[in-house]
Amino acid sequence: MEPTNQVVDPAHPVHHNIAVEHNTFDISDVTVVNAKSVGGFTFTGNTVRRLDEADQPPYTSPLFVFHGSSGIRIARNHYDKDLNTSVVTD
């Protein structure tokens, strides 16, 4: 989610009230959510699984990155071992 406007102001987001709920994500070492200018984002009840074998090195990419966003809720999700469950905001 990335708007075309150049000014990113968390007090005036472009996207509003987005919910990602009860999904399964089978991923490589990537960011699942990379959002810009979002007000009200919910990521709940999801499952995030690794594509590779369990004996591989831990993933380093943060699962969540938010730019100029507010009202973020991430809860009640299930993650495979060795995922980087960091939430990066600026």
N, C-alpha and C. Protein backbone atom coordinates (compact mmCIF):
# COMPACT_ATOMS: atom_id res chain seq x y z
N MET A 1 0.86 -1.15 0.00
CA MET A 1 0.00 0.00 0.00
C MET A 1 0.91 1.22 0.00
N GLU A 2 0.87 1.93 -1.09
CA GLU A 2 1.71 3.11 -1.16
C GLU A 2 1.00 4.17 -1.99
N PRO A 3 0.67 5.30 -1.37
CA PRO A 3 0.00 6.36 -2.12
C PRO A 3 0.97 7.07 -3.06
N THR A 4 0.43 7.80 -4.00
CA THR A 4 1.27 8.53 -4.95
C THR A 4 1.65 9.91 -4.44
N ASN A 5 1.01 10.37 -3.35
CA ASN A 5 1.38 11.69 -2.84
C ASN A 5 2.79 11.67 -2.26
N GLN A 6 3.45 12.82 -2.27
CA GLN A 6 4.83 12.91 -1.82
C GLN A 6 4.95 13.16 -0.32
N VAL A 7 3.97 13.79 0.30
CA VAL A 7 4.02 14.12 1.72
C VAL A 7 3.37 12.98 2.52
N VAL A 8 4.12 12.45 3.46
CA VAL A 8 3.61 11.38 4.32
C VAL A 8 3.47 11.94 5.72
N ASP A 9 2.23 12.08 6.17
CA ASP A 9 1.93 12.67 7.47
C ASP A 9 1.04 11.69 8.23
N PRO A 10 1.55 11.09 9.33
CA PRO A 10 0.74 10.13 10.08
C PRO A 10 -0.59 10.71 10.58
N ALA A 11 -0.66 12.03 10.75
CA ALA A 11 -1.90 12.66 11.20
C ALA A 11 -2.94 12.74 10.07
N HIS A 12 -2.49 12.57 8.82
CA HIS A 12 -3.39 12.63 7.66
C HIS A 12 -3.10 11.48 6.70
N PRO A 13 -3.40 10.25 7.11
CA PRO A 13 -3.10 9.10 6.25
C PRO A 13 -3.98 9.07 5.00
N VAL A 14 -3.47 8.41 3.98
CA VAL A 14 -4.20 8.25 2.72
C VAL A 14 -5.10 7.00 2.78
N HIS A 15 -4.61 5.92 3.37
CA HIS A 15 -5.37 4.67 3.49
C HIS A 15 -5.94 4.57 4.91
N HIS A 16 -7.14 4.01 5.02
CA HIS A 16 -7.80 3.94 6.33
C HIS A 16 -8.40 2.56 6.59
N ASN A 17 -8.27 2.13 7.86
CA ASN A 17 -8.98 0.96 8.38
C ASN A 17 -8.84 -0.29 7.50
N ILE A 18 -7.62 -0.76 7.40
CA ILE A 18 -7.33 -1.97 6.63
C ILE A 18 -7.19 -3.13 7.61
N ALA A 19 -7.85 -4.24 7.31
CA ALA A 19 -7.79 -5.42 8.17
C ALA A 19 -7.33 -6.62 7.34
N VAL A 20 -6.29 -7.30 7.87
CA VAL A 20 -5.81 -8.55 7.28
C VAL A 20 -6.00 -9.60 8.36
N GLU A 21 -6.97 -10.48 8.17
CA GLU A 21 -7.34 -11.41 9.23
C GLU A 21 -7.55 -12.82 8.69
N HIS A 22 -7.05 -13.79 9.46
CA HIS A 22 -7.31 -15.22 9.22
C HIS A 22 -6.82 -15.69 7.85
N ASN A 23 -5.58 -15.35 7.53
CA ASN A 23 -4.94 -15.79 6.29
C ASN A 23 -3.72 -16.63 6.61
N THR A 24 -3.23 -17.34 5.61
CA THR A 24 -1.98 -18.08 5.73
C THR A 24 -1.00 -17.55 4.69
N PHE A 25 0.20 -17.22 5.14
CA PHE A 25 1.25 -16.71 4.28
C PHE A 25 2.43 -17.68 4.31
N ASP A 26 2.79 -18.24 3.17
CA ASP A 26 3.97 -19.10 3.04
C ASP A 26 5.03 -18.25 2.33
N ILE A 27 6.10 -17.88 3.07
CA ILE A 27 7.01 -16.87 2.58
C ILE A 27 8.47 -17.32 2.57
N SER A 28 9.24 -16.65 1.74
CA SER A 28 10.69 -16.72 1.82
C SER A 28 11.12 -15.57 2.73
N ASP A 29 12.36 -15.17 2.70
CA ASP A 29 12.87 -14.11 3.57
C ASP A 29 12.44 -12.75 3.02
N VAL A 30 11.17 -12.39 3.24
CA VAL A 30 10.60 -11.15 2.71
C VAL A 30 9.78 -10.44 3.80
N THR A 31 9.45 -9.18 3.53
CA THR A 31 8.54 -8.42 4.38
C THR A 31 7.11 -8.72 3.93
N VAL A 32 6.24 -9.06 4.87
CA VAL A 32 4.85 -9.40 4.56
C VAL A 32 4.03 -8.14 4.33
N VAL A 33 4.20 -7.15 5.20
CA VAL A 33 3.47 -5.89 5.07
C VAL A 33 4.46 -4.74 5.00
N ASN A 34 4.39 -3.95 3.93
CA ASN A 34 5.19 -2.75 3.77
C ASN A 34 4.20 -1.66 3.38
N ALA A 35 3.75 -0.89 4.38
CA ALA A 35 2.67 0.06 4.17
C ALA A 35 3.14 1.50 4.39
N LYS A 36 2.55 2.40 3.63
CA LYS A 36 2.89 3.81 3.71
C LYS A 36 1.60 4.62 3.83
N SER A 37 1.56 5.52 4.82
CA SER A 37 0.45 6.43 5.03
C SER A 37 -0.87 5.69 5.28
N VAL A 38 -0.85 4.85 6.33
CA VAL A 38 -2.03 4.08 6.70
C VAL A 38 -2.48 4.48 8.11
N GLY A 39 -3.75 4.76 8.26
CA GLY A 39 -4.33 5.04 9.56
C GLY A 39 -5.30 3.93 9.92
N GLY A 40 -4.94 3.12 10.88
CA GLY A 40 -5.78 2.00 11.28
C GLY A 40 -5.50 0.76 10.48
N PHE A 41 -4.52 -0.02 10.92
CA PHE A 41 -4.16 -1.27 10.24
C PHE A 41 -4.18 -2.39 11.26
N THR A 42 -4.91 -3.48 10.94
CA THR A 42 -5.01 -4.63 11.82
C THR A 42 -4.52 -5.88 11.10
N PHE A 43 -3.64 -6.62 11.76
CA PHE A 43 -3.13 -7.90 11.25
C PHE A 43 -3.34 -8.91 12.37
N THR A 44 -4.44 -9.66 12.32
CA THR A 44 -4.78 -10.57 13.42
C THR A 44 -5.23 -11.94 12.92
N GLY A 45 -4.93 -12.95 13.74
CA GLY A 45 -5.38 -14.30 13.47
C GLY A 45 -4.77 -14.94 12.23
N ASN A 46 -3.63 -14.46 11.79
CA ASN A 46 -2.97 -14.99 10.60
C ASN A 46 -1.89 -16.00 10.96
N THR A 47 -1.51 -16.82 9.99
CA THR A 47 -0.41 -17.76 10.13
C THR A 47 0.65 -17.41 9.11
N VAL A 48 1.90 -17.27 9.58
CA VAL A 48 3.02 -16.96 8.68
C VAL A 48 4.01 -18.11 8.78
N ARG A 49 4.24 -18.78 7.63
CA ARG A 49 5.10 -19.97 7.61
C ARG A 49 6.28 -19.76 6.66
N ARG A 50 7.38 -20.41 6.99
CA ARG A 50 8.57 -20.39 6.14
C ARG A 50 8.40 -21.37 4.99
N LEU A 51 8.94 -21.01 3.84
CA LEU A 51 8.92 -21.91 2.68
C LEU A 51 10.03 -22.95 2.73
N ASP A 52 11.15 -22.59 3.34
CA ASP A 52 12.31 -23.49 3.30
C ASP A 52 12.29 -24.49 4.46
N GLU A 53 13.29 -25.33 4.49
CA GLU A 53 13.41 -26.36 5.52
C GLU A 53 13.74 -25.74 6.89
N ALA A 54 13.39 -26.43 7.94
CA ALA A 54 13.60 -25.94 9.30
C ALA A 54 15.07 -25.78 9.66
N ASP A 55 15.98 -26.47 8.98
CA ASP A 55 17.39 -26.40 9.34
C ASP A 55 18.13 -25.24 8.66
N GLN A 56 17.43 -24.34 7.99
CA GLN A 56 18.02 -23.19 7.32
C GLN A 56 18.22 -22.03 8.31
N PRO A 57 19.09 -21.07 7.96
CA PRO A 57 19.32 -19.93 8.86
C PRO A 57 18.04 -19.12 9.08
N PRO A 58 17.98 -18.39 10.19
CA PRO A 58 16.82 -17.54 10.45
C PRO A 58 16.65 -16.48 9.36
N TYR A 59 15.41 -16.10 9.13
CA TYR A 59 15.11 -15.01 8.18
C TYR A 59 15.50 -13.68 8.83
N THR A 60 15.97 -12.74 8.04
CA THR A 60 16.41 -11.45 8.57
C THR A 60 15.46 -10.30 8.22
N SER A 61 14.66 -10.43 7.18
CA SER A 61 13.75 -9.34 6.79
C SER A 61 12.66 -9.17 7.85
N PRO A 62 12.40 -7.93 8.28
CA PRO A 62 11.30 -7.73 9.23
C PRO A 62 9.98 -8.06 8.55
N LEU A 63 9.06 -8.66 9.28
CA LEU A 63 7.77 -9.02 8.69
C LEU A 63 6.90 -7.80 8.42
N PHE A 64 7.08 -6.73 9.21
CA PHE A 64 6.20 -5.57 9.11
C PHE A 64 7.01 -4.28 9.05
N VAL A 65 6.71 -3.44 8.04
CA VAL A 65 7.33 -2.12 7.91
C VAL A 65 6.22 -1.11 7.63
N PHE A 66 6.19 -0.04 8.43
CA PHE A 66 5.19 1.01 8.27
C PHE A 66 5.88 2.36 8.18
N HIS A 67 5.49 3.16 7.19
CA HIS A 67 6.02 4.50 6.99
C HIS A 67 4.87 5.49 7.17
N GLY A 68 5.04 6.46 8.06
CA GLY A 68 4.02 7.48 8.24
C GLY A 68 2.65 6.93 8.54
N SER A 69 2.58 5.93 9.39
CA SER A 69 1.31 5.25 9.69
C SER A 69 1.00 5.32 11.18
N SER A 70 -0.26 5.13 11.52
CA SER A 70 -0.68 5.14 12.93
C SER A 70 -1.82 4.15 13.12
N GLY A 71 -2.10 3.83 14.38
CA GLY A 71 -3.20 2.92 14.69
C GLY A 71 -2.95 1.50 14.22
N ILE A 72 -1.74 1.02 14.44
CA ILE A 72 -1.34 -0.32 13.99
C ILE A 72 -1.62 -1.33 15.10
N ARG A 73 -2.27 -2.44 14.74
CA ARG A 73 -2.54 -3.51 15.71
C ARG A 73 -2.14 -4.85 15.08
N ILE A 74 -1.19 -5.53 15.74
CA ILE A 74 -0.73 -6.84 15.28
C ILE A 74 -0.87 -7.78 16.48
N ALA A 75 -1.75 -8.77 16.38
CA ALA A 75 -2.04 -9.62 17.54
C ALA A 75 -2.59 -10.97 17.13
N ARG A 76 -2.41 -11.97 18.02
CA ARG A 76 -2.99 -13.31 17.88
C ARG A 76 -2.64 -13.99 16.56
N ASN A 77 -1.42 -13.83 16.13
CA ASN A 77 -0.94 -14.49 14.92
C ASN A 77 -0.05 -15.67 15.30
N HIS A 78 0.17 -16.57 14.37
CA HIS A 78 1.04 -17.72 14.58
C HIS A 78 2.21 -17.62 13.59
N TYR A 79 3.43 -17.72 14.12
CA TYR A 79 4.62 -17.57 13.30
C TYR A 79 5.50 -18.80 13.41
N ASP A 80 6.05 -19.25 12.28
CA ASP A 80 7.06 -20.29 12.31
C ASP A 80 8.28 -19.81 13.09
N LYS A 81 9.04 -20.74 13.59
CA LYS A 81 10.29 -20.44 14.28
C LYS A 81 11.26 -19.77 13.30
N ASP A 82 12.10 -18.89 13.81
CA ASP A 82 13.18 -18.21 13.08
C ASP A 82 12.70 -17.22 12.02
N LEU A 83 11.51 -16.66 12.21
CA LEU A 83 11.08 -15.50 11.41
C LEU A 83 11.46 -14.25 12.18
N ASN A 84 11.72 -13.17 11.48
CA ASN A 84 12.02 -11.89 12.12
C ASN A 84 10.69 -11.15 12.30
N THR A 85 10.09 -11.26 13.47
CA THR A 85 8.76 -10.69 13.72
C THR A 85 8.80 -9.21 14.08
N SER A 86 9.89 -8.54 13.74
CA SER A 86 10.02 -7.11 14.04
C SER A 86 8.96 -6.30 13.32
N VAL A 87 8.57 -5.20 13.98
CA VAL A 87 7.71 -4.19 13.38
C VAL A 87 8.54 -2.92 13.30
N VAL A 88 8.82 -2.46 12.09
CA VAL A 88 9.64 -1.28 11.87
C VAL A 88 8.71 -0.12 11.51
N THR A 89 8.85 1.00 12.21
CA THR A 89 8.03 2.17 11.91
C THR A 89 8.91 3.40 11.80
N ASP A 90 8.49 4.32 10.96
CA ASP A 90 9.15 5.63 10.89
C ASP A 90 8.15 6.70 10.55
